[in-house]
Every structure is written in C-alpha cells, then in structure tokens.
C-alpha cells in the first residue's frame, strides 16, 4: 500500500518467535503474523493463511515459504498488482526474503 508506514504496536510476547510478518501499511498496519514454517499464503481471501483487508492485495496475492533451516522466500501468485520485495517486482519464482525486508 502507498503511504507512510504506521507505527508498529508493541508485541513483547512475539519477541521469541523465529519468523514474523509485520504489516506496516494499509488497513491492517500494526498487525503481526507468526510464520511457523512451510508455505504461507497472503491475500484478501478468508482462505489465505495471512488474510489482509487491503484493496491493493489480491485474494491470493503471494506465498511466503519458511524452510526448516529458517530461510524465507516469497513468490507472487499471479496477483493483479504484483508483489514487490524491497522495491523490486518479483515473479512466480521464489525469491529469498532477508530479515527486515519490505514486502
């Protein structure tokens, strides 16, 4: 989403979680989602593992995969507006997602 990132709400109980997805813009800004491993879908659909109520997000927008060794990758799922990682558009092939990256 366009606009300045929102201030993240503190979630001290999440500090120990190995992989977290922080929503920094849009209607769900401030939300934190724990990614426990495997393939996690992100989108507007109630069927998405991480549902987001954002008109710029497709029903099934992208998939984030957390490997057993902790590496994280993301791939677009044919979304209308595309998926951008750190300012660069990505396609349907998984791209490594570094800690602190902006999706």
PDB file of N, CA and C in Angstrom:
ATOM      1  N   UNK A   1       0.826  -1.185   0.000  1.00  0.00           N
ATOM      2  CA  UNK A   1       0.000   0.000   0.000  1.00  0.00           C
ATOM      3  C   UNK A   1       0.868   1.245   0.000  1.00  0.00           C
ATOM      4  N   UNK A   2       0.320   2.306  -0.531  1.00  0.00           N
ATOM      5  CA  UNK A   2       1.034   3.566  -0.543  1.00  0.00           C
ATOM      6  C   UNK A   2       0.848   4.271   0.779  1.00  0.00           C
ATOM      7  N   UNK A   3       1.775   5.137   1.104  1.00  0.00           N
ATOM      8  CA  UNK A   3       1.662   5.902   2.334  1.00  0.00           C
ATOM      9  C   UNK A   3       2.791   5.580   3.276  1.00  0.00           C
ATOM     10  N   UNK A   4       2.895   6.384   4.284  1.00  0.00           N
ATOM     11  CA  UNK A   4       3.955   6.200   5.270  1.00  0.00           C
ATOM     12  C   UNK A   4       3.661   4.989   6.136  1.00  0.00           C
ATOM     13  N   UNK A   5       4.699   4.232   6.496  1.00  0.00           N
ATOM     14  CA  UNK A   5       4.479   3.094   7.388  1.00  0.00           C
ATOM     15  C   UNK A   5       3.896   3.545   8.717  1.00  0.00           C
ATOM     16  N   UNK A   6       3.001   2.752   9.242  1.00  0.00           N
ATOM     17  CA  UNK A   6       2.399   3.043  10.544  1.00  0.00           C
ATOM     18  C   UNK A   6       3.362   2.627  11.641  1.00  0.00           C
ATOM     19  N   UNK A   7       3.187   3.210  12.798  1.00  0.00           N
ATOM     20  CA  UNK A   7       3.972   2.796  13.956  1.00  0.00           C
ATOM     21  C   UNK A   7       3.511   1.403  14.359  1.00  0.00           C
ATOM     22  N   UNK A   8       4.437   0.479  14.494  1.00  0.00           N
ATOM     23  CA  UNK A   8       4.076  -0.883  14.888  1.00  0.00           C
ATOM     24  C   UNK A   8       3.679  -0.905  16.358  1.00  0.00           C
ATOM     25  N   UNK A   9       2.629  -1.655  16.640  1.00  0.00           N
ATOM     26  CA  UNK A   9       2.219  -1.815  18.032  1.00  0.00           C
ATOM     27  C   UNK A   9       3.200  -2.763  18.718  1.00  0.00           C
ATOM     28  N   UNK A  10       3.549  -2.524  19.980  1.00  0.00           N
ATOM     29  CA  UNK A  10       4.470  -3.430  20.664  1.00  0.00           C
ATOM     30  C   UNK A  10       3.810  -4.784  20.923  1.00  0.00           C
ATOM     31  N   UNK A  11       4.563  -5.844  20.681  1.00  0.00           N
ATOM     32  CA  UNK A  11       4.099  -7.210  20.927  1.00  0.00           C
ATOM     33  C   UNK A  11       5.228  -7.974  21.623  1.00  0.00           C
ATOM     34  N   UNK A  12       5.501  -7.678  22.907  1.00  0.00           N
ATOM     35  CA  UNK A  12       6.634  -8.323  23.574  1.00  0.00           C
ATOM     36  C   UNK A  12       6.524  -9.840  23.601  1.00  0.00           C
ATOM     37  N   UNK A  13       5.311 -10.390  23.584  1.00  0.00           N
ATOM     38  CA  UNK A  13       5.148 -11.842  23.618  1.00  0.00           C
ATOM     39  C   UNK A  13       5.623 -12.503  22.325  1.00  0.00           C
ATOM     40  N   UNK A  14       5.858 -11.711  21.274  1.00  0.00           N
ATOM     41  CA  UNK A  14       6.278 -12.262  19.996  1.00  0.00           C
ATOM     42  C   UNK A  14       7.786 -12.203  19.787  1.00  0.00           C
ATOM     43  N   UNK A  15       8.512 -11.601  20.712  1.00  0.00           N
ATOM     44  CA  UNK A  15       9.945 -11.402  20.530  1.00  0.00           C
ATOM     45  C   UNK A  15      10.705 -12.701  20.308  1.00  0.00           C
ATOM     46  N   UNK A  16      10.203 -13.821  20.813  1.00  0.00           N
ATOM     47  CA  UNK A  16      10.903 -15.092  20.696  1.00  0.00           C
ATOM     48  C   UNK A  16      10.531 -15.849  19.424  1.00  0.00           C
ATOM     49  N   UNK A  17       9.497 -15.436  18.712  1.00  0.00           N
ATOM     50  CA  UNK A  17       9.073 -16.145  17.508  1.00  0.00           C
ATOM     51  C   UNK A  17      10.156 -16.021  16.438  1.00  0.00           C
ATOM     52  N   UNK A  18      10.528 -17.130  15.799  1.00  0.00           N
ATOM     53  CA  UNK A  18      11.625 -17.090  14.840  1.00  0.00           C
ATOM     54  C   UNK A  18      11.320 -16.275  13.584  1.00  0.00           C
ATOM     55  N   UNK A  19      10.119 -16.362  13.040  1.00  0.00           N
ATOM     56  CA  UNK A  19       9.787 -15.651  11.811  1.00  0.00           C
ATOM     57  C   UNK A  19       8.456 -14.947  11.979  1.00  0.00           C
ATOM     58  N   UNK A  20       8.465 -13.639  11.732  1.00  0.00           N
ATOM     59  CA  UNK A  20       7.260 -12.829  11.893  1.00  0.00           C
ATOM     60  C   UNK A  20       7.073 -11.956  10.660  1.00  0.00           C
ATOM     61  N   UNK A  21       5.819 -11.740  10.297  1.00  0.00           N
ATOM     62  CA  UNK A  21       5.478 -10.826   9.224  1.00  0.00           C
ATOM     63  C   UNK A  21       4.758  -9.646   9.853  1.00  0.00           C
ATOM     64  N   UNK A  22       5.364  -8.458   9.782  1.00  0.00           N
ATOM     65  CA  UNK A  22       4.792  -7.239  10.353  1.00  0.00           C
ATOM     66  C   UNK A  22       4.126  -6.446   9.234  1.00  0.00           C
ATOM     67  N   UNK A  23       2.876  -6.094   9.404  1.00  0.00           N
ATOM     68  CA  UNK A  23       2.156  -5.277   8.426  1.00  0.00           C
ATOM     69  C   UNK A  23       2.445  -3.816   8.760  1.00  0.00           C
ATOM     70  N   UNK A  24       3.055  -3.084   7.804  1.00  0.00           N
ATOM     71  CA  UNK A  24       3.494  -1.714   8.094  1.00  0.00           C
ATOM     72  C   UNK A  24       2.664  -0.642   7.399  1.00  0.00           C
ATOM     73  N   UNK A  25       1.755  -1.027   6.508  1.00  0.00           N
ATOM     74  CA  UNK A  25       0.924  -0.040   5.811  1.00  0.00           C
ATOM     75  C   UNK A  25      -0.420  -0.665   5.473  1.00  0.00           C
ATOM     76  N   UNK A  26      -1.376   0.185   5.138  1.00  0.00           N
ATOM     77  CA  UNK A  26      -2.701  -0.301   4.768  1.00  0.00           C
ATOM     78  C   UNK A  26      -3.597  -0.475   5.972  1.00  0.00           C
ATOM     79  N   UNK A  27      -4.813  -0.957   5.741  1.00  0.00           N
ATOM     80  CA  UNK A  27      -5.800  -1.093   6.819  1.00  0.00           C
ATOM     81  C   UNK A  27      -5.367  -1.998   7.972  1.00  0.00           C
ATOM     82  N   UNK A  28      -4.474  -2.954   7.707  1.00  0.00           N
ATOM     83  CA  UNK A  28      -4.040  -3.891   8.750  1.00  0.00           C
ATOM     84  C   UNK A  28      -2.712  -3.492   9.390  1.00  0.00           C
ATOM     85  N   UNK A  29      -2.253  -2.259   9.155  1.00  0.00           N
ATOM     86  CA  UNK A  29      -0.968  -1.797   9.689  1.00  0.00           C
ATOM     87  C   UNK A  29      -0.900  -2.018  11.192  1.00  0.00           C
ATOM     88  N   UNK A  30       0.256  -2.481  11.642  1.00  0.00           N
ATOM     89  CA  UNK A  30       0.467  -2.764  13.060  1.00  0.00           C
ATOM     90  C   UNK A  30       0.258  -4.227  13.400  1.00  0.00           C
ATOM     91  N   UNK A  31      -0.334  -4.976  12.486  1.00  0.00           N
ATOM     92  CA  UNK A  31      -0.560  -6.404  12.726  1.00  0.00           C
ATOM     93  C   UNK A  31       0.733  -7.197  12.619  1.00  0.00           C
ATOM     94  N   UNK A  32       0.830  -8.262  13.392  1.00  0.00           N
ATOM     95  CA  UNK A  32       1.990  -9.150  13.366  1.00  0.00           C
ATOM     96  C   UNK A  32       1.477 -10.570  13.184  1.00  0.00           C
ATOM     97  N   UNK A  33       2.062 -11.281  12.219  1.00  0.00           N
ATOM     98  CA  UNK A  33       1.666 -12.662  11.944  1.00  0.00           C
ATOM     99  C   UNK A  33       2.873 -13.566  12.140  1.00  0.00           C
ATOM    100  N   UNK A  34       2.695 -14.632  12.909  1.00  0.00           N
ATOM    101  CA  UNK A  34       3.757 -15.607  13.124  1.00  0.00           C
ATOM    102  C   UNK A  34       3.777 -16.577  11.954  1.00  0.00           C
ATOM    103  N   UNK A  35       4.948 -16.822  11.403  1.00  0.00           N
ATOM    104  CA  UNK A  35       5.107 -17.751  10.291  1.00  0.00           C
ATOM    105  C   UNK A  35       5.844 -18.973  10.820  1.00  0.00           C
ATOM    106  N   UNK A  36       5.102 -20.047  11.030  1.00  0.00           N
ATOM    107  CA  UNK A  36       5.651 -21.222  11.709  1.00  0.00           C
ATOM    108  C   UNK A  36       6.409 -22.175  10.806  1.00  0.00           C
ATOM    109  N   UNK A  37       6.369 -22.002   9.529  1.00  0.00           N
ATOM    110  CA  UNK A  37       7.106 -22.881   8.629  1.00  0.00           C
ATOM    111  C   UNK A  37       6.231 -23.392   7.509  1.00  0.00           C
ATOM    112  N   UNK A  38       6.877 -23.811   6.428  1.00  0.00           N
ATOM    113  CA  UNK A  38       6.142 -24.277   5.268  1.00  0.00           C
ATOM    114  C   UNK A  38       5.689 -23.118   4.412  1.00  0.00           C
ATOM    115  N   UNK A  39       4.682 -23.386   3.595  1.00  0.00           N
ATOM    116  CA  UNK A  39       4.156 -22.386   2.649  1.00  0.00           C
ATOM    117  C   UNK A  39       2.972 -21.664   3.274  1.00  0.00           C
ATOM    118  N   UNK A  40       3.048 -20.330   3.311  1.00  0.00           N
ATOM    119  CA  UNK A  40       2.010 -19.496   3.913  1.00  0.00           C
ATOM    120  C   UNK A  40       1.485 -18.564   2.822  1.00  0.00           C
ATOM    121  N   UNK A  41       0.178 -18.597   2.566  1.00  0.00           N
ATOM    122  CA  UNK A  41      -0.397 -17.708   1.563  1.00  0.00           C
ATOM    123  C   UNK A  41      -0.838 -16.402   2.214  1.00  0.00           C
ATOM    124  N   UNK A  42      -0.666 -15.312   1.469  1.00  0.00           N
ATOM    125  CA  UNK A  42      -1.047 -13.979   1.924  1.00  0.00           C
ATOM    126  C   UNK A  42      -2.031 -13.416   0.900  1.00  0.00           C
ATOM    127  N   UNK A  43      -3.153 -12.889   1.372  1.00  0.00           N
ATOM    128  CA  UNK A  43      -4.119 -12.310   0.448  1.00  0.00           C
ATOM    129  C   UNK A  43      -5.374 -11.832   1.139  1.00  0.00           C
ATOM    130  N   UNK A  44      -6.307 -11.320   0.332  1.00  0.00           N
ATOM    131  CA  UNK A  44      -7.577 -10.807   0.846  1.00  0.00           C
ATOM    132  C   UNK A  44      -8.568 -11.918   1.167  1.00  0.00           C
ATOM    133  N   UNK A  45      -8.390 -13.087   0.606  1.00  0.00           N
ATOM    134  CA  UNK A  45      -9.328 -14.188   0.797  1.00  0.00           C
ATOM    135  C   UNK A  45      -9.309 -14.700   2.233  1.00  0.00           C
ATOM    136  N   UNK A  46     -10.473 -15.116   2.698  1.00  0.00           N
ATOM    137  CA  UNK A  46     -10.544 -15.751   4.018  1.00  0.00           C
ATOM    138  C   UNK A  46      -9.787 -17.071   4.008  1.00  0.00           C
ATOM    139  N   UNK A  47      -9.530 -17.621   2.822  1.00  0.00           N
ATOM    140  CA  UNK A  47      -8.768 -18.870   2.704  1.00  0.00           C
ATOM    141  C   UNK A  47      -7.262 -18.652   2.820  1.00  0.00           C
ATOM    142  N   UNK A  48      -6.805 -17.398   2.766  1.00  0.00           N
ATOM    143  CA  UNK A  48      -5.373 -17.110   2.898  1.00  0.00           C
ATOM    144  C   UNK A  48      -4.933 -17.394   4.330  1.00  0.00           C
ATOM    145  N   UNK A  49      -3.714 -17.901   4.475  1.00  0.00           N
ATOM    146  CA  UNK A  49      -3.169 -18.145   5.819  1.00  0.00           C
ATOM    147  C   UNK A  49      -2.986 -16.831   6.571  1.00  0.00           C
ATOM    148  N   UNK A  50      -2.613 -15.780   5.838  1.00  0.00           N
ATOM    149  CA  UNK A  50      -2.490 -14.432   6.400  1.00  0.00           C
ATOM    150  C   UNK A  50      -3.463 -13.543   5.624  1.00  0.00           C
ATOM    151  N   UNK A  51      -4.704 -13.397   6.128  1.00  0.00           N
ATOM    152  CA  UNK A  51      -5.676 -12.565   5.424  1.00  0.00           C
ATOM    153  C   UNK A  51      -5.441 -11.078   5.710  1.00  0.00           C
ATOM    154  N   UNK A  52      -5.455 -10.273   4.643  1.00  0.00           N
ATOM    155  CA  UNK A  52      -5.275  -8.830   4.770  1.00  0.00           C
ATOM    156  C   UNK A  52      -6.460  -8.131   4.124  1.00  0.00           C
ATOM    157  N   UNK A  53      -7.027  -7.165   4.808  1.00  0.00           N
ATOM    158  CA  UNK A  53      -8.170  -6.415   4.305  1.00  0.00           C
ATOM    159  C   UNK A  53      -7.663  -5.155   3.608  1.00  0.00           C
ATOM    160  N   UNK A  54      -7.071  -5.336   2.424  1.00  0.00           N
ATOM    161  CA  UNK A  54      -6.452  -4.225   1.703  1.00  0.00           C
ATOM    162  C   UNK A  54      -6.840  -4.334   0.229  1.00  0.00           C
ATOM    163  N   UNK A  55      -7.444  -3.286  -0.342  1.00  0.00           N
ATOM    164  CA  UNK A  55      -7.868  -3.361  -1.742  1.00  0.00           C
ATOM    165  C   UNK A  55      -6.716  -3.529  -2.733  1.00  0.00           C
ATOM    166  N   UNK A  56      -5.484  -3.216  -2.335  1.00  0.00           N
ATOM    167  CA  UNK A  56      -4.328  -3.394  -3.218  1.00  0.00           C
ATOM    168  C   UNK A  56      -3.802  -4.823  -3.214  1.00  0.00           C
ATOM    169  N   UNK A  57      -4.347  -5.667  -2.359  1.00  0.00           N
ATOM    170  CA  UNK A  57      -3.909  -7.056  -2.219  1.00  0.00           C
ATOM    171  C   UNK A  57      -4.927  -7.959  -2.908  1.00  0.00           C
ATOM    172  N   UNK A  58      -4.442  -8.887  -3.734  1.00  0.00           N
ATOM    173  CA  UNK A  58      -5.325  -9.841  -4.411  1.00  0.00           C
ATOM    174  C   UNK A  58      -5.817 -10.895  -3.430  1.00  0.00           C
ATOM    175  N   UNK A  59      -6.838 -11.653  -3.862  1.00  0.00           N
ATOM    176  CA  UNK A  59      -7.401 -12.691  -2.982  1.00  0.00           C
ATOM    177  C   UNK A  59      -6.318 -13.646  -2.495  1.00  0.00           C
ATOM    178  N   UNK A  60      -5.522 -14.181  -3.404  1.00  0.00           N
ATOM    179  CA  UNK A  60      -4.334 -14.954  -3.034  1.00  0.00           C
ATOM    180  C   UNK A  60      -3.171 -14.254  -3.719  1.00  0.00           C
ATOM    181  N   UNK A  61      -2.492 -13.391  -2.981  1.00  0.00           N
ATOM    182  CA  UNK A  61      -1.520 -12.454  -3.538  1.00  0.00           C
ATOM    183  C   UNK A  61      -0.124 -13.059  -3.698  1.00  0.00           C
ATOM    184  N   UNK A  62       0.404 -13.613  -2.619  1.00  0.00           N
ATOM    185  CA  UNK A  62       1.749 -14.178  -2.667  1.00  0.00           C
ATOM    186  C   UNK A  62       1.859 -15.328  -1.677  1.00  0.00           C
ATOM    187  N   UNK A  63       2.934 -16.080  -1.833  1.00  0.00           N
ATOM    188  CA  UNK A  63       3.204 -17.180  -0.907  1.00  0.00           C
ATOM    189  C   UNK A  63       4.574 -16.953  -0.284  1.00  0.00           C
ATOM    190  N   UNK A  64       4.626 -17.030   1.023  1.00  0.00           N
ATOM    191  CA  UNK A  64       5.876 -16.932   1.772  1.00  0.00           C
ATOM    192  C   UNK A  64       6.192 -18.341   2.257  1.00  0.00           C
ATOM    193  N   UNK A  65       7.418 -18.791   2.015  1.00  0.00           N
ATOM    194  CA  UNK A  65       7.821 -20.127   2.443  1.00  0.00           C
ATOM    195  C   UNK A  65       8.941 -20.005   3.460  1.00  0.00           C
ATOM    196  N   UNK A  66       8.752 -20.662   4.604  1.00  0.00           N
ATOM    197  CA  UNK A  66       9.778 -20.709   5.644  1.00  0.00           C
ATOM    198  C   UNK A  66      10.351 -22.121   5.633  1.00  0.00           C
ATOM    199  N   UNK A  67      11.622 -22.239   5.241  1.00  0.00           N
ATOM    200  CA  UNK A  67      12.294 -23.534   5.173  1.00  0.00           C
ATOM    201  C   UNK A  67      12.663 -24.008   6.579  1.00  0.00           C
ATOM    202  N   UNK A  68      12.897 -25.320   6.739  1.00  0.00           N
ATOM    203  CA  UNK A  68      13.276 -25.845   8.059  1.00  0.00           C
ATOM    204  C   UNK A  68      14.519 -25.175   8.651  1.00  0.00           C
ATOM    205  N   UNK A  69      15.433 -24.695   7.787  1.00  0.00           N
ATOM    206  CA  UNK A  69      16.640 -24.032   8.294  1.00  0.00           C
ATOM    207  C   UNK A  69      16.408 -22.548   8.596  1.00  0.00           C
ATOM    208  N   UNK A  70      15.155 -22.078   8.433  1.00  0.00           N
ATOM    209  CA  UNK A  70      14.822 -20.697   8.756  1.00  0.00           C
ATOM    210  C   UNK A  70      14.877 -19.733   7.593  1.00  0.00           C
ATOM    211  N   UNK A  71      15.396 -20.177   6.441  1.00  0.00           N
ATOM    212  CA  UNK A  71      15.420 -19.284   5.277  1.00  0.00           C
ATOM    213  C   UNK A  71      13.992 -19.003   4.827  1.00  0.00           C
ATOM    214  N   UNK A  72      13.760 -17.776   4.382  1.00  0.00           N
ATOM    215  CA  UNK A  72      12.421 -17.352   3.973  1.00  0.00           C
ATOM    216  C   UNK A  72      12.476 -16.905   2.517  1.00  0.00           C
ATOM    217  N   UNK A  73      11.483 -17.336   1.733  1.00  0.00           N
ATOM    218  CA  UNK A  73      11.372 -16.890   0.345  1.00  0.00           C
ATOM    219  C   UNK A  73       9.935 -16.480   0.072  1.00  0.00           C
ATOM    220  N   UNK A  74       9.741 -15.710  -1.001  1.00  0.00           N
ATOM    221  CA  UNK A  74       8.406 -15.237  -1.370  1.00  0.00           C
ATOM    222  C   UNK A  74       8.252 -15.354  -2.878  1.00  0.00           C
ATOM    223  N   UNK A  75       7.029 -15.668  -3.318  1.00  0.00           N
ATOM    224  CA  UNK A  75       6.710 -15.745  -4.742  1.00  0.00           C
ATOM    225  C   UNK A  75       5.327 -15.146  -4.970  1.00  0.00           C
ATOM    226  N   UNK A  76       5.162 -14.459  -6.081  1.00  0.00           N
ATOM    227  CA  UNK A  76       3.859 -13.904  -6.442  1.00  0.00           C
ATOM    228  C   UNK A  76       2.949 -15.043  -6.914  1.00  0.00           C
ATOM    229  N   UNK A  77       1.670 -14.935  -6.621  1.00  0.00           N
ATOM    230  CA  UNK A  77       0.697 -15.958  -7.021  1.00  0.00           C
ATOM    231  C   UNK A  77      -0.216 -15.453  -8.141  1.00  0.00           C
ATOM    232  N   UNK A  78       0.340 -14.649  -9.057  1.00  0.00           N
ATOM    233  CA  UNK A  78      -0.458 -14.113 -10.156  1.00  0.00           C
ATOM    234  C   UNK A  78      -1.338 -12.960  -9.731  1.00  0.00           C
ATOM    235  N   UNK A  79      -0.888 -12.197  -8.753  1.00  0.00           N
ATOM    236  CA  UNK A  79      -1.681 -11.084  -8.221  1.00  0.00           C
ATOM    237  C   UNK A  79      -1.888  -9.994  -9.269  1.00  0.00           C
ATOM    238  N   UNK A  80      -2.959  -9.243  -9.125  1.00  0.00           N
ATOM    239  CA  UNK A  80      -3.290  -8.160 -10.053  1.00  0.00           C
ATOM    240  C   UNK A  80      -2.234  -7.058 -10.030  1.00  0.00           C
ATOM    241  N   UNK A  81      -1.807  -6.633  -8.847  1.00  0.00           N
ATOM    242  CA  UNK A  81      -0.868  -5.518  -8.710  1.00  0.00           C
ATOM    243  C   UNK A  81       0.584  -5.952  -8.596  1.00  0.00           C
ATOM    244  N   UNK A  82       0.838  -7.249  -8.597  1.00  0.00           N
ATOM    245  CA  UNK A  82       2.197  -7.749  -8.474  1.00  0.00           C
ATOM    246  C   UNK A  82       2.689  -7.700  -7.036  1.00  0.00           C
ATOM    247  N   UNK A  83       3.803  -8.362  -6.814  1.00  0.00           N
ATOM    248  CA  UNK A  83       4.436  -8.402  -5.497  1.00  0.00           C
ATOM    249  C   UNK A  83       5.794  -7.733  -5.616  1.00  0.00           C
ATOM    250  N   UNK A  84       6.103  -6.872  -4.668  1.00  0.00           N
ATOM    251  CA  UNK A  84       7.352  -6.114  -4.683  1.00  0.00           C
ATOM    252  C   UNK A  84       8.113  -6.420  -3.402  1.00  0.00           C
ATOM    253  N   UNK A  85       9.390  -6.756  -3.543  1.00  0.00           N
ATOM    254  CA  UNK A  85      10.256  -7.043  -2.403  1.00  0.00           C
ATOM    255  C   UNK A  85      11.391  -6.033  -2.406  1.00  0.00           C
ATOM    256  N   UNK A  86      11.453  -5.214  -1.369  1.00  0.00           N
ATOM    257  CA  UNK A  86      12.462  -4.153  -1.260  1.00  0.00           C
ATOM    258  C   UNK A  86      12.519  -3.294  -2.523  1.00  0.00           C
ATOM    259  N   UNK A  87      11.335  -2.931  -3.046  1.00  0.00           N
ATOM    260  CA  UNK A  87      11.246  -2.036  -4.184  1.00  0.00           C
ATOM    261  C   UNK A  87      11.398  -2.690  -5.543  1.00  0.00           C
ATOM    262  N   UNK A  88      11.625  -4.000  -5.588  1.00  0.00           N
ATOM    263  CA  UNK A  88      11.807  -4.697  -6.863  1.00  0.00           C
ATOM    264  C   UNK A  88      10.673  -5.683  -7.088  1.00  0.00           C
ATOM    265  N   UNK A  89      10.051  -5.628  -8.268  1.00  0.00           N
ATOM    266  CA  UNK A  89       8.986  -6.590  -8.559  1.00  0.00           C
ATOM    267  C   UNK A  89       9.556  -8.006  -8.621  1.00  0.00           C
ATOM    268  N   UNK A  90       8.784  -8.954  -8.121  1.00  0.00           N
ATOM    269  CA  UNK A  90       9.188 -10.355  -8.197  1.00  0.00           C
ATOM    270  C   UNK A  90       8.125 -11.112  -8.982  1.00  0.00           C
ATOM    271  N   UNK A  91       8.479 -12.261  -9.491  1.00  0.00           N
ATOM    272  CA  UNK A  91       7.549 -13.081 -10.263  1.00  0.00           C
ATOM    273  C   UNK A  91       7.084 -14.291  -9.479  1.00  0.00           C
ATOM    274  N   UNK A  92       6.772 -15.344 -10.226  1.00  0.00           N
ATOM    275  CA  UNK A  92       6.234 -16.540  -9.588  1.00  0.00           C
ATOM    276  C   UNK A  92       7.311 -17.503  -9.105  1.00  0.00           C
ATOM    277  N   UNK A  93       8.578 -17.163  -9.326  1.00  0.00           N
ATOM    278  CA  UNK A  93       9.668 -17.988  -8.798  1.00  0.00           C
ATOM    279  C   UNK A  93      10.075 -17.458  -7.427  1.00  0.00           C
ATOM    280  N   UNK A  94      10.287 -18.352  -6.464  1.00  0.00           N
ATOM    281  CA  UNK A  94      10.642 -17.895  -5.110  1.00  0.00           C
ATOM    282  C   UNK A  94      11.919 -17.054  -5.087  1.00  0.00           C
ATOM    283  N   UNK A  95      11.863 -15.979  -4.316  1.00  0.00           N
ATOM    284  CA  UNK A  95      12.993 -15.070  -4.120  1.00  0.00           C
ATOM    285  C   UNK A  95      13.284 -15.028  -2.629  1.00  0.00           C
ATOM    286  N   UNK A  96      14.565 -15.113  -2.274  1.00  0.00           N
ATOM    287  CA  UNK A  96      14.950 -15.092  -0.855  1.00  0.00           C
ATOM    288  C   UNK A  96      14.527 -13.778  -0.208  1.00  0.00           C
ATOM    289  N   UNK A  97      14.037 -13.888   1.007  1.00  0.00           N
ATOM    290  CA  UNK A  97      13.464 -12.775   1.769  1.00  0.00           C
ATOM    291  C   UNK A  97      14.355 -12.598   2.996  1.00  0.00           C
ATOM    292  N   UNK A  98      15.198 -11.557   3.004  1.00  0.00           N
ATOM    293  CA  UNK A  98      16.123 -11.329   4.117  1.00  0.00           C
ATOM    294  C   UNK A  98      15.386 -10.737   5.315  1.00  0.00           C
ATOM    295  N   UNK A  99      15.881 -10.976   6.535  1.00  0.00           N
ATOM    296  CA  UNK A  99      15.267 -10.349   7.712  1.00  0.00           C
ATOM    297  C   UNK A  99      15.218  -8.835   7.533  1.00  0.00           C
ATOM    298  N   UNK A 100      14.085  -8.245   7.854  1.00  0.00           N
ATOM    299  CA  UNK A 100      13.913  -6.805   7.742  1.00  0.00           C
ATOM    300  C   UNK A 100      13.508  -6.329   6.356  1.00  0.00           C
ATOM    301  N   UNK A 101      13.382  -7.251   5.397  1.00  0.00           N
ATOM    302  CA  UNK A 101      12.995  -6.861   4.037  1.00  0.00           C
ATOM    303  C   UNK A 101      11.568  -6.331   4.033  1.00  0.00           C
ATOM    304  N   UNK A 102      11.274  -5.454   3.081  1.00  0.00           N
ATOM    305  CA  UNK A 102       9.948  -4.857   2.960  1.00  0.00           C
ATOM    306  C   UNK A 102       9.232  -5.493   1.778  1.00  0.00           C
ATOM    307  N   UNK A 103       8.121  -6.147   2.073  1.00  0.00           N
ATOM    308  CA  UNK A 103       7.335  -6.851   1.060  1.00  0.00           C
ATOM    309  C   UNK A 103       6.132  -6.021   0.690  1.00  0.00           C
TER     310      UNK A 103
END
